[in-house]
Protein backbone atom coordinates (compact mmCIF):
# COMPACT_ATOMS: atom_id res chain seq x y z
CA MET A 1 0.00 0.00 0.00
CA HIS A 2 2.85 2.37 0.85
CA GLU A 3 4.31 1.83 -2.61
CA VAL A 4 0.97 2.65 -4.26
CA LEU A 5 0.71 5.90 -2.27
CA ALA A 6 4.30 6.82 -3.07
CA THR A 7 3.65 6.22 -6.78
CA THR A 8 0.44 8.28 -6.56
CA MET A 9 2.27 11.16 -4.90
CA LYS A 10 4.92 11.08 -7.63
CA LEU A 11 2.17 11.15 -10.26
CA ILE A 12 0.55 14.12 -8.51
CA LYS A 13 3.78 16.07 -8.38
CA ASP A 14 4.63 15.26 -12.01
CA LYS A 15 1.18 16.35 -13.20
CA MET A 16 1.31 19.52 -11.11
CA GLU A 17 4.64 20.47 -12.59
CA LEU A 18 3.18 19.99 -16.06
CA ARG A 19 -0.07 21.76 -15.04
CA LYS A 20 -2.11 18.81 -16.26
CA LYS A 21 -5.43 17.66 -14.88
CA LEU A 22 -5.43 14.25 -13.21
CA PRO A 23 -8.02 11.66 -14.26
CA VAL A 24 -11.08 11.24 -12.06
CA GLU A 25 -9.97 7.68 -11.21
CA THR A 26 -7.15 9.10 -9.07
CA ILE A 27 -9.54 10.64 -6.51
CA PRO A 28 -9.52 7.70 -4.05
CA TYR A 29 -5.71 7.67 -4.14
CA LEU A 30 -5.53 11.43 -3.68
CA ILE A 31 -7.83 11.26 -0.67
CA LYS A 32 -5.85 8.40 0.85
CA ALA A 33 -2.56 10.23 0.26
CA ALA A 34 -3.94 13.41 1.86
CA GLN A 35 -4.51 11.66 5.17
CA ASN A 36 -0.78 11.42 5.85
CA ALA A 37 0.58 14.33 3.81
CA ASP A 38 2.25 17.54 4.94
CA GLY A 39 0.40 20.85 4.60
CA ALA A 40 1.83 21.82 1.22
CA THR A 41 1.02 18.44 -0.27
CA LYS A 42 -2.54 18.60 1.13
CA ASN A 43 -2.97 21.95 -0.61
CA ASP A 44 -1.63 20.48 -3.84
CA ILE A 45 -4.02 17.53 -3.56
CA GLU A 46 -6.99 19.83 -2.99
CA ASN A 47 -5.96 21.94 -5.99
CA GLN A 48 -5.70 18.84 -8.16
CA ILE A 49 -9.15 17.67 -7.11
CA VAL A 50 -10.59 21.11 -7.93
CA LYS A 51 -8.89 20.96 -11.35
CA ILE A 52 -10.73 17.72 -12.09
CA GLY A 53 -13.86 19.83 -11.67
CA GLU A 54 -17.45 18.71 -12.10
CA ASP A 55 -16.43 15.14 -12.96
CA ALA A 56 -15.08 14.80 -9.42
CA ILE A 57 -18.32 15.80 -7.67
CA PRO A 58 -20.12 12.42 -7.53
CA HIS A 59 -16.98 10.75 -6.17
CA LEU A 60 -16.36 13.50 -3.63
CA VAL A 61 -19.92 13.52 -2.30
CA LYS A 62 -19.87 9.73 -1.97
CA GLU A 63 -16.56 9.86 -0.06
CA LEU A 64 -17.72 12.77 2.09
CA ALA A 65 -20.59 10.70 3.49
CA THR A 66 -18.23 8.02 4.83
CA ILE A 67 -14.82 9.58 5.52
CA SER A 68 -13.60 11.60 8.49
CA GLY A 69 -10.65 13.69 9.57
CA ILE A 70 -8.35 15.65 7.33
CA ALA A 71 -9.65 14.04 4.16
CA ARG A 72 -13.21 15.18 4.95
CA GLY A 73 -12.01 18.77 5.21
CA ILE A 74 -10.16 18.55 1.90
CA ILE A 75 -13.21 17.09 0.17
CA ALA A 76 -15.49 19.74 1.68
CA MET A 77 -13.22 22.58 0.55
CA ALA A 78 -12.91 21.10 -2.93
CA LEU A 79 -16.70 20.92 -3.25
CA ILE A 80 -17.03 24.52 -2.08
CA ARG A 81 -14.38 25.66 -4.56
CA ILE A 82 -15.98 23.73 -7.43
CA GLY A 83 -19.11 25.63 -6.49
CA ALA A 84 -22.68 25.55 -7.78
CA PRO A 85 -22.46 22.25 -9.67
CA SER A 86 -21.89 20.53 -6.30
CA VAL A 87 -25.27 21.62 -4.89
CA GLU A 88 -27.42 19.14 -6.83
CA TYR A 89 -25.31 16.17 -5.72
CA LEU A 90 -25.23 17.35 -2.11
CA GLU A 91 -29.01 17.77 -2.04
CA SER A 92 -29.54 14.34 -3.57
CA SER A 93 -27.20 12.70 -1.08
CA ALA A 94 -28.86 14.50 1.85
CA ASN A 95 -32.27 13.25 0.73
CA ALA A 96 -30.97 9.69 0.51
CA ASN A 97 -29.08 9.80 3.83
CA PRO A 98 -30.61 11.87 6.66
CA GLU A 99 -27.39 11.61 8.72
CA PHE A 100 -25.57 13.41 5.90
CA LYS A 101 -28.10 16.25 5.77
CA TRP A 102 -26.30 18.62 8.15
CA ILE A 103 -23.06 18.31 6.21
CA ALA A 104 -24.83 18.91 2.90
CA GLU A 105 -26.73 21.91 4.28
CA TYR A 106 -23.55 23.46 5.63
CA LEU A 107 -21.67 23.02 2.36
CA ILE A 108 -24.60 24.30 0.29
CA ALA A 109 -24.77 27.40 2.49
CA GLU A 110 -21.04 27.95 1.97
CA ILE A 111 -21.34 27.47 -1.78
CA VAL A 112 -24.36 29.75 -2.12
CA GLY A 113 -22.74 32.36 0.10
CA SER A 114 -19.52 32.28 -1.89
CA GLN A 115 -21.39 32.60 -5.19
CA ARG A 116 -23.58 35.56 -4.15
CA VAL A 117 -22.96 38.80 -5.97
CA LEU A 118 -21.72 41.48 -3.61
CA GLY A 119 -24.41 43.99 -2.80
CA SER A 120 -27.25 41.59 -3.65
CA ASN A 121 -28.49 41.24 -0.07
CA ASP A 122 -31.57 43.49 0.15
CA LYS A 123 -31.84 43.16 3.92
CA LEU A 124 -28.24 44.23 4.41
CA GLN A 125 -28.75 47.19 2.08
CA SER A 126 -31.85 48.32 4.01
CA ILE A 127 -29.92 48.18 7.31
CA MET A 128 -27.07 50.18 5.82
CA ALA A 129 -29.50 52.81 4.49
CA VAL A 130 -30.77 53.64 8.02
């Protein structure tokens, strides 16, 4: 297993240096590698997952429902950074698994909040006008 993770980490670093997107099939290996990685490598792994983009969402949401610790945080941040396309999958997963609902609701709130156009909050504008 250690050899597989070492090979995966080399692949990650090689792809990052070439600025290439990793295939979606690498997500389980990236998540596993993140659990024991240093801070810089964790950031690199998160960035690589975000580069995979929308194709990564179903895999990330599935993993998020079962994983804990550092990897959960990396997955959550990747989903937030991918943004609006993540919402549908999070809602669907929350409906299928009530124990996952709070996680999905939190991430959806983060995604919606990060996608809101500045100045679009009518309530905030009315408070500021007083």
